[in-house]
């Protein structure tokens, strides 16, 4: 809940429940997962009420079989996902007659991993087919979509603890319920598609591990938020499909066991997210930092006691498509202590240990290059938890 005055307020309530189960039948692992989410939002701004409700249900069934294909080790996975979503916007100045939207998606997927132990080779194949049926009161065009994705991956053991791998494929992403709800009424979001490639090498011994990977994704209709896309039903901007973009980068992960009680981990990422066509060709996609570094340590000083912490540095990023200003880079630290006794764990964690004032989201720039529309992150946050395993 938030209120700026007697005539400006907002209130949101979210309820989320789920159930999960798994069992084994011989060589088959069977998994079922279902959850439900509901959000109710009510506000009054500038004398104008605005309210909506969103309800969503997701179910997932998956079967995994580990065995052999001929004489070769083989892992086969098949699954089915369904989602039902409904949004109702109450009549207001922005939607004089109110509006209702519904969506239902259904997907089947297959994945198979085949290994040749004698040569250290593994071949991975995957396929997914998903369809979405959508209806919206304000739309005059069909909103139904169907997309397919595929993937081929190959890994090769190089000996001495090293493995090289390569992957290529086509992926897609349909707008989720929140993104569909934030699009301009009557304008459907197209499916986001991507041509992907990845190369990497990993090395491991008894106490250390290192992995280096390069990736590139060429995207069409990338789904994102545009604060400048204003309209009678989108007074604060809307989710849209971007012009073609390309995301690529290098990632390094390393870990080392200094002793039986102390582990160190390092993550370094170099990223580029850029428009390759359209109005902003050559510009960086907003809210994508070009560099991140994270260093973490896990210490177990005595039986049942664990202390972990780390420092994360994030470089500057642009809050607008024109790249006229930037969000400053920042560094944060966190710390967590946990005590375990039998099935019980008691933990105390501190995020943003130094109470750093920073922000990761902003959506505008002034003519003089000053960042605006800033959403600050939380200061020092202390969390206590109790976990019981049974």
Protein backbone atom coordinates (compact mmCIF):
# COMPACT_ATOMS: atom_id res chain seq x y z
CA UNK A 1 0.00 0.00 0.00
CA UNK A 2 1.15 3.53 -0.74
CA UNK A 3 -0.49 6.94 -0.39
CA UNK A 4 0.92 10.32 -1.39
CA UNK A 5 -2.22 12.24 -0.35
CA UNK A 6 -5.91 11.68 0.33
CA UNK A 7 -6.52 11.68 -3.42
CA UNK A 8 -3.50 9.67 -4.60
CA UNK A 9 -3.00 6.11 -3.44
CA UNK A 10 -2.26 2.61 -4.66
CA UNK A 11 -2.74 -0.85 -3.20
CA UNK A 12 -1.69 -4.27 -4.51
CA UNK A 13 -2.30 -7.73 -3.09
CA UNK A 14 -0.74 -10.93 -4.42
CA UNK A 15 -1.58 -14.52 -3.50
CA UNK A 16 0.52 -17.46 -4.68
CA UNK A 17 0.06 -21.16 -3.90
CA UNK A 18 1.55 -24.31 -5.38
CA UNK A 19 1.98 -28.05 -5.06
CA UNK A 20 4.81 -30.28 -6.25
CA UNK A 21 5.32 -34.05 -6.29
CA UNK A 22 7.64 -36.64 -7.77
CA UNK A 23 7.95 -40.41 -7.77
CA UNK A 24 10.02 -43.17 -9.38
CA UNK A 25 8.71 -46.10 -11.40
CA UNK A 26 11.68 -48.25 -12.27
CA UNK A 27 13.99 -46.19 -14.49
CA UNK A 28 11.36 -43.46 -14.90
CA UNK A 29 11.19 -40.30 -12.78
CA UNK A 30 7.71 -38.71 -12.86
CA UNK A 31 7.20 -35.08 -11.78
CA UNK A 32 4.03 -32.98 -11.41
CA UNK A 33 4.00 -29.29 -10.54
CA UNK A 34 1.05 -26.87 -10.31
CA UNK A 35 0.69 -23.34 -8.99
CA UNK A 36 -1.83 -20.53 -8.93
CA UNK A 37 -1.30 -16.78 -8.69
CA UNK A 38 -3.71 -13.89 -8.26
CA UNK A 39 -3.04 -10.15 -8.16
CA UNK A 40 -5.52 -7.41 -7.26
CA UNK A 41 -4.55 -3.80 -7.90
CA UNK A 42 -6.46 -0.64 -7.01
CA UNK A 43 -5.31 2.97 -7.34
CA UNK A 44 -6.43 6.58 -7.57
CA UNK A 45 -4.15 9.10 -9.27
CA UNK A 46 -4.93 12.67 -10.38
CA UNK A 47 -8.52 12.02 -9.42
CA UNK A 48 -8.81 9.02 -11.76
CA UNK A 49 -9.34 5.46 -10.46
CA UNK A 50 -7.60 2.52 -12.08
CA UNK A 51 -8.03 -1.10 -10.98
CA UNK A 52 -7.48 -4.59 -12.37
CA UNK A 53 -7.23 -8.25 -11.37
CA UNK A 54 -5.01 -10.97 -12.80
CA UNK A 55 -5.44 -14.70 -12.19
CA UNK A 56 -3.11 -17.39 -13.54
CA UNK A 57 -2.79 -21.16 -13.23
CA UNK A 58 0.24 -23.19 -14.37
CA UNK A 59 0.64 -26.97 -14.54
CA UNK A 60 3.64 -29.03 -15.59
CA UNK A 61 4.08 -32.78 -16.11
CA UNK A 62 7.48 -34.30 -16.83
CA UNK A 63 8.88 -37.83 -17.28
CA UNK A 64 12.59 -38.65 -17.32
CA UNK A 65 14.09 -42.02 -18.28
CA UNK A 66 17.71 -42.94 -17.74
CA UNK A 67 18.87 -46.12 -19.46
CA UNK A 68 20.65 -47.24 -22.60
CA UNK A 69 20.12 -46.91 -26.35
CA UNK A 70 21.72 -50.04 -27.68
CA UNK A 71 24.85 -50.20 -25.53
CA UNK A 72 25.14 -46.42 -25.09
CA UNK A 73 23.97 -44.47 -21.99
CA UNK A 74 20.91 -42.41 -22.83
CA UNK A 75 18.68 -39.92 -20.97
CA UNK A 76 15.25 -39.11 -22.41
CA UNK A 77 12.88 -36.40 -21.14
CA UNK A 78 9.32 -35.63 -22.27
CA UNK A 79 7.04 -33.02 -20.77
CA UNK A 80 3.88 -30.96 -21.08
CA UNK A 81 3.17 -27.45 -19.76
CA UNK A 82 -0.13 -25.53 -19.65
CA UNK A 83 -0.93 -22.00 -18.54
CA UNK A 84 -4.29 -20.28 -18.12
CA UNK A 85 -4.41 -16.53 -17.54
CA UNK A 86 -7.16 -13.92 -17.23
CA UNK A 87 -7.00 -10.16 -16.67
CA UNK A 88 -9.93 -7.87 -15.98
CA UNK A 89 -9.53 -4.07 -16.06
CA UNK A 90 -12.28 -2.12 -14.33
CA UNK A 91 -13.90 0.74 -16.27
CA UNK A 92 -12.05 4.04 -15.77
CA UNK A 93 -10.86 7.11 -17.66
CA UNK A 94 -8.13 5.02 -19.30
CA UNK A 95 -10.54 2.17 -20.16
CA UNK A 96 -14.05 3.73 -20.30
CA UNK A 97 -15.81 0.40 -20.87
CA UNK A 98 -13.36 -1.83 -19.05
CA UNK A 99 -11.70 -4.73 -20.77
CA UNK A 100 -11.07 -8.42 -20.29
CA UNK A 101 -8.25 -10.53 -21.72
CA UNK A 102 -7.68 -14.28 -21.60
CA UNK A 103 -4.78 -16.49 -22.64
CA UNK A 104 -4.13 -20.21 -22.68
CA UNK A 105 -0.87 -21.86 -23.69
CA UNK A 106 -0.01 -25.51 -24.16
CA UNK A 107 3.44 -26.93 -24.90
CA UNK A 108 5.09 -30.29 -25.51
CA UNK A 109 8.83 -30.80 -25.37
CA UNK A 110 11.38 -33.59 -25.87
CA UNK A 111 15.05 -33.80 -24.94
CA UNK A 112 17.54 -36.61 -25.45
CA UNK A 113 21.19 -36.96 -24.34
CA UNK A 114 23.24 -39.78 -25.86
CA UNK A 115 26.78 -40.53 -24.63
CA UNK A 116 29.78 -42.44 -26.03
CA UNK A 117 31.85 -43.28 -22.91
CA UNK A 118 34.76 -44.68 -24.94
CA UNK A 119 35.41 -41.33 -26.63
CA UNK A 120 33.96 -38.94 -24.03
CA UNK A 121 31.42 -37.56 -26.52
CA UNK A 122 27.86 -36.53 -25.72
CA UNK A 123 25.17 -35.46 -28.20
CA UNK A 124 22.11 -33.51 -27.01
CA UNK A 125 18.95 -32.89 -29.04
CA UNK A 126 15.91 -30.90 -27.94
CA UNK A 127 12.58 -29.74 -29.39
CA UNK A 128 9.65 -27.70 -28.06
CA UNK A 129 6.31 -26.79 -29.64
CA UNK A 130 4.06 -24.26 -27.91
CA UNK A 131 0.81 -22.62 -28.86
CA UNK A 132 -1.01 -19.74 -27.20
CA UNK A 133 -4.64 -18.72 -27.66
CA UNK A 134 -5.42 -15.16 -26.60
CA UNK A 135 -8.52 -13.03 -26.67
CA UNK A 136 -8.97 -9.39 -25.73
CA UNK A 137 -12.10 -7.26 -25.83
CA UNK A 138 -10.33 -4.27 -27.43
CA UNK A 139 -8.44 -6.20 -30.11
CA UNK A 140 -9.63 -6.32 -33.69
CA UNK A 141 -6.98 -8.79 -34.84
CA UNK A 142 -6.21 -12.42 -34.04
CA UNK A 143 -3.78 -12.84 -31.18
CA UNK A 144 -3.15 -16.62 -31.39
CA UNK A 145 0.48 -17.74 -31.69
CA UNK A 146 2.39 -20.98 -32.21
CA UNK A 147 6.17 -21.29 -32.07
CA UNK A 148 8.79 -24.03 -32.28
CA UNK A 149 12.26 -24.26 -30.77
CA UNK A 150 15.10 -26.69 -31.35
CA UNK A 151 18.61 -27.24 -30.03
CA UNK A 152 21.66 -29.32 -30.95
CA UNK A 153 24.56 -29.58 -28.53
CA UNK A 154 27.84 -31.48 -28.58
CA UNK A 155 30.41 -31.90 -25.81
CA UNK A 156 33.81 -33.60 -25.99
CA UNK A 157 36.09 -34.77 -23.18
CA UNK A 158 39.61 -33.48 -23.91
CA UNK A 159 41.31 -35.32 -21.08
CA UNK A 160 43.13 -33.96 -18.01
CA UNK A 161 39.79 -32.76 -16.61
CA UNK A 162 38.92 -30.53 -19.60
CA UNK A 163 35.74 -30.58 -21.70
CA UNK A 164 34.80 -28.50 -24.75
CA UNK A 165 31.22 -27.93 -25.86
CA UNK A 166 29.21 -26.21 -28.58
CA UNK A 167 25.53 -25.51 -28.97
CA UNK A 168 23.28 -23.99 -31.62
CA UNK A 169 19.54 -23.65 -31.96
CA UNK A 170 16.43 -21.56 -32.29
CA UNK A 171 14.59 -20.35 -29.22
CA UNK A 172 11.46 -18.34 -28.58
CA UNK A 173 9.64 -16.63 -25.76
CA UNK A 174 5.96 -15.83 -25.61
CA UNK A 175 4.96 -12.85 -23.54
CA UNK A 176 4.22 -13.85 -19.94
CA UNK A 177 1.06 -12.80 -18.15
CA UNK A 178 2.58 -9.64 -16.70
CA UNK A 179 4.00 -8.54 -20.04
CA UNK A 180 0.73 -9.16 -21.87
CA UNK A 181 -1.07 -7.20 -19.16
CA UNK A 182 1.35 -4.29 -19.64
CA UNK A 183 0.97 -4.07 -23.43
CA UNK A 184 -1.19 -1.49 -25.14
CA UNK A 185 -4.82 -2.63 -25.11
CA UNK A 186 -5.76 -3.95 -28.55
CA UNK A 187 -2.15 -4.44 -29.66
CA UNK A 188 -0.82 -7.98 -29.24
CA UNK A 189 2.79 -8.80 -28.44
CA UNK A 190 4.49 -10.95 -31.09
CA UNK A 191 6.55 -13.94 -30.02
CA UNK A 192 10.21 -13.17 -29.35
CA UNK A 193 12.51 -15.43 -31.42
CA UNK A 194 16.25 -15.92 -31.34
CA UNK A 195 19.00 -17.69 -33.27
CA UNK A 196 21.53 -18.84 -30.66
CA UNK A 197 25.11 -20.06 -30.67
CA UNK A 198 27.44 -20.93 -27.79
CA UNK A 199 31.01 -22.22 -27.41
CA UNK A 200 32.73 -23.08 -24.16
CA UNK A 201 35.38 -25.04 -22.33
CA UNK A 202 35.44 -26.23 -18.72
CA UNK A 203 38.22 -27.69 -16.59
CA UNK A 204 38.05 -29.34 -13.19
CA UNK A 205 40.38 -31.11 -10.76
CA UNK A 206 40.06 -32.16 -7.12
CA UNK A 207 40.06 -28.61 -5.69
CA UNK A 208 39.48 -26.17 -8.58
CA UNK A 209 37.13 -25.58 -11.50
CA UNK A 210 37.12 -23.05 -14.36
CA UNK A 211 34.60 -22.49 -17.16
CA UNK A 212 34.78 -19.98 -20.02
CA UNK A 213 31.90 -19.53 -22.46
CA UNK A 214 31.08 -17.29 -25.41
CA UNK A 215 27.50 -16.79 -26.61
CA UNK A 216 25.58 -14.84 -29.24
CA UNK A 217 21.83 -14.46 -29.74
CA UNK A 218 20.24 -12.65 -32.67
CA UNK A 219 16.74 -11.67 -31.58
CA UNK A 220 13.63 -10.63 -33.46
CA UNK A 221 10.68 -8.99 -31.71
CA UNK A 222 12.47 -8.92 -28.34
CA UNK A 223 9.86 -8.17 -25.67
CA UNK A 224 10.59 -5.21 -23.41
CA UNK A 225 9.28 -2.06 -21.79
CA UNK A 226 9.20 1.27 -23.61
CA UNK A 227 8.39 4.23 -21.31
CA UNK A 228 7.94 6.53 -24.32
CA UNK A 229 5.22 4.40 -25.92
CA UNK A 230 2.31 6.38 -24.53
CA UNK A 231 -1.35 6.13 -25.43
CA UNK A 232 -4.87 6.47 -24.02
CA UNK A 233 -4.58 2.99 -22.49
CA UNK A 234 -0.85 3.26 -21.67
CA UNK A 235 -0.31 6.55 -19.80
CA UNK A 236 3.03 5.38 -18.35
CA UNK A 237 4.46 3.49 -21.32
CA UNK A 238 3.88 -0.09 -22.44
CA UNK A 239 5.53 -3.42 -23.23
CA UNK A 240 6.36 -3.66 -26.94
CA UNK A 241 8.35 -5.68 -29.48
CA UNK A 242 11.77 -4.14 -30.10
CA UNK A 243 13.48 -3.76 -33.45
CA UNK A 244 16.10 -6.50 -34.12
CA UNK A 245 18.72 -6.81 -31.36
CA UNK A 246 21.87 -8.83 -30.71
CA UNK A 247 23.10 -10.02 -27.32
CA UNK A 248 26.56 -11.52 -26.98
CA UNK A 249 29.29 -11.85 -24.41
CA UNK A 250 31.93 -13.76 -22.49
CA UNK A 251 31.43 -15.35 -19.07
CA UNK A 252 34.07 -16.76 -16.73
CA UNK A 253 33.31 -18.88 -13.66
CA UNK A 254 36.03 -20.13 -11.32
CA UNK A 255 36.05 -21.85 -7.94
CA UNK A 256 38.81 -23.04 -5.63
CA UNK A 257 38.81 -24.98 -2.38
CA UNK A 258 41.48 -23.24 -0.29
CA UNK A 259 40.98 -25.84 2.42
CA UNK A 260 38.38 -28.33 3.56
CA UNK A 261 36.60 -25.43 5.32
CA UNK A 262 37.05 -22.53 2.86
CA UNK A 263 35.83 -22.17 -0.76
CA UNK A 264 36.26 -19.18 -3.08
CA UNK A 265 34.18 -18.40 -6.20
CA UNK A 266 34.63 -15.82 -8.95
CA UNK A 267 32.20 -14.79 -11.70
CA UNK A 268 33.10 -12.30 -14.44
CA UNK A 269 30.81 -11.32 -17.33
CA UNK A 270 31.33 -9.06 -20.34
CA UNK A 271 28.10 -8.31 -22.23
CA UNK A 272 26.92 -6.42 -25.28
CA UNK A 273 23.22 -5.84 -26.01
CA UNK A 274 22.70 -3.71 -29.09
CA UNK A 275 20.05 -2.76 -31.64
CA UNK A 276 21.06 -4.01 -35.10
CA UNK A 277 18.29 -2.29 -37.08
CA UNK A 278 15.52 0.26 -36.77
CA UNK A 279 15.38 3.67 -35.12
CA UNK A 280 18.05 2.93 -32.52
CA UNK A 281 20.45 0.93 -34.69
CA UNK A 282 23.90 0.82 -33.08
CA UNK A 283 22.62 1.89 -29.64
CA UNK A 284 22.76 -0.23 -26.51
CA UNK A 285 19.58 -1.87 -25.21
CA UNK A 286 18.50 -0.13 -22.04
CA UNK A 287 19.19 -1.58 -18.55
CA UNK A 288 21.97 -3.98 -19.57
CA UNK A 289 25.29 -3.53 -17.69
CA UNK A 290 28.33 -4.24 -19.85
CA UNK A 291 30.47 -5.73 -17.06
CA UNK A 292 29.83 -7.54 -13.78
CA UNK A 293 32.22 -9.11 -11.28
CA UNK A 294 31.26 -11.18 -8.23
CA UNK A 295 33.63 -12.65 -5.63
CA UNK A 296 32.25 -14.94 -2.93
CA UNK A 297 33.58 -17.05 -0.07
CA UNK A 298 32.07 -19.92 1.96
CA UNK A 299 33.64 -20.73 5.33
CA UNK A 300 32.75 -23.61 7.64
CA UNK A 301 34.70 -22.91 10.86
CA UNK A 302 33.13 -25.77 12.82
CA UNK A 303 30.61 -28.55 12.44
CA UNK A 304 27.12 -27.09 11.90
CA UNK A 305 28.38 -23.53 11.40
CA UNK A 306 28.57 -21.83 7.97
CA UNK A 307 29.52 -18.25 7.09
CA UNK A 308 29.22 -16.99 3.51
CA UNK A 309 29.59 -13.57 1.94
CA UNK A 310 30.58 -11.74 -1.16
CA UNK A 311 31.05 -8.53 -3.09
CA UNK A 312 29.34 -7.81 -6.42
CA UNK A 313 30.33 -4.99 -8.79
CA UNK A 314 28.08 -3.88 -11.67
CA UNK A 315 29.14 -1.35 -14.31
CA UNK A 316 27.08 1.56 -15.55
CA UNK A 317 24.14 1.04 -17.91
CA UNK A 318 21.83 3.18 -19.99
CA UNK A 319 18.23 3.84 -18.88
CA UNK A 320 16.99 4.94 -22.32
CA UNK A 321 17.14 3.70 -25.90
CA UNK A 322 18.87 6.88 -27.13
CA UNK A 323 21.72 6.34 -24.59
CA UNK A 324 21.62 9.99 -23.52
CA UNK A 325 22.46 9.32 -19.86
CA UNK A 326 23.58 6.46 -17.62
CA UNK A 327 22.90 4.68 -14.35
CA UNK A 328 26.10 4.78 -12.25
CA UNK A 329 27.96 1.58 -11.52
CA UNK A 330 27.83 0.24 -7.98
CA UNK A 331 29.23 -2.39 -5.63
CA UNK A 332 27.35 -4.20 -2.85
CA UNK A 333 28.30 -6.73 -0.20
CA UNK A 334 26.29 -9.39 1.61
CA UNK A 335 26.85 -11.73 4.54
CA UNK A 336 25.01 -14.83 5.86
CA UNK A 337 25.51 -17.03 8.90
CA UNK A 338 23.74 -20.39 9.31
CA UNK A 339 23.69 -22.95 12.10
CA UNK A 340 22.48 -26.48 11.38
CA UNK A 341 21.41 -29.06 13.94
CA UNK A 342 20.01 -32.34 12.66
CA UNK A 343 17.11 -31.36 10.33
CA UNK A 344 16.95 -27.75 11.60
CA UNK A 345 18.73 -24.71 10.15
CA UNK A 346 18.73 -21.23 11.71
CA UNK A 347 20.10 -18.44 9.53
CA UNK A 348 20.68 -14.69 9.62
CA UNK A 349 21.51 -12.79 6.43
CA UNK A 350 22.40 -9.18 5.67
CA UNK A 351 22.01 -7.86 2.12
CA UNK A 352 23.61 -4.54 1.09
CA UNK A 353 25.86 -4.78 4.13
CA UNK A 354 27.26 -1.24 3.80
CA UNK A 355 23.81 0.31 3.23
CA UNK A 356 24.86 1.54 -0.21
CA UNK A 357 22.47 4.00 -1.89
CA UNK A 358 22.08 2.84 -5.49
CA UNK A 359 19.55 2.00 -8.17
CA UNK A 360 19.31 -0.52 -10.99
CA UNK A 361 16.20 0.76 -12.77
CA UNK A 362 15.44 4.12 -14.32
CA UNK A 363 13.50 4.96 -17.45
CA UNK A 364 14.33 8.47 -18.64
CA UNK A 365 16.84 11.25 -19.28
CA UNK A 366 16.53 15.02 -19.31
CA UNK A 367 17.76 17.10 -22.23
CA UNK A 368 20.93 17.80 -20.24
CA UNK A 369 21.69 14.12 -19.70
CA UNK A 370 20.42 13.73 -16.14
CA UNK A 371 18.82 10.39 -15.27
CA UNK A 372 15.13 10.51 -14.27
CA UNK A 373 12.31 8.12 -13.33
CA UNK A 374 14.58 6.39 -10.80
CA UNK A 375 13.51 3.36 -8.74
CA UNK A 376 16.01 3.00 -5.85
CA UNK A 377 17.00 -0.36 -4.44
CA UNK A 378 16.53 -1.26 -0.79
CA UNK A 379 19.16 -0.28 1.76
CA UNK A 380 20.61 -2.65 4.32
CA UNK A 381 18.20 -5.59 4.67
CA UNK A 382 18.34 -8.16 7.47
CA UNK A 383 16.59 -11.50 7.05
CA UNK A 384 16.16 -14.26 9.63
CA UNK A 385 14.96 -17.71 8.58
CA UNK A 386 14.17 -21.13 10.01
CA UNK A 387 14.32 -24.23 7.80
CA UNK A 388 13.28 -27.74 8.80
CA UNK A 389 13.92 -30.69 6.47
CA UNK A 390 11.78 -33.81 6.70
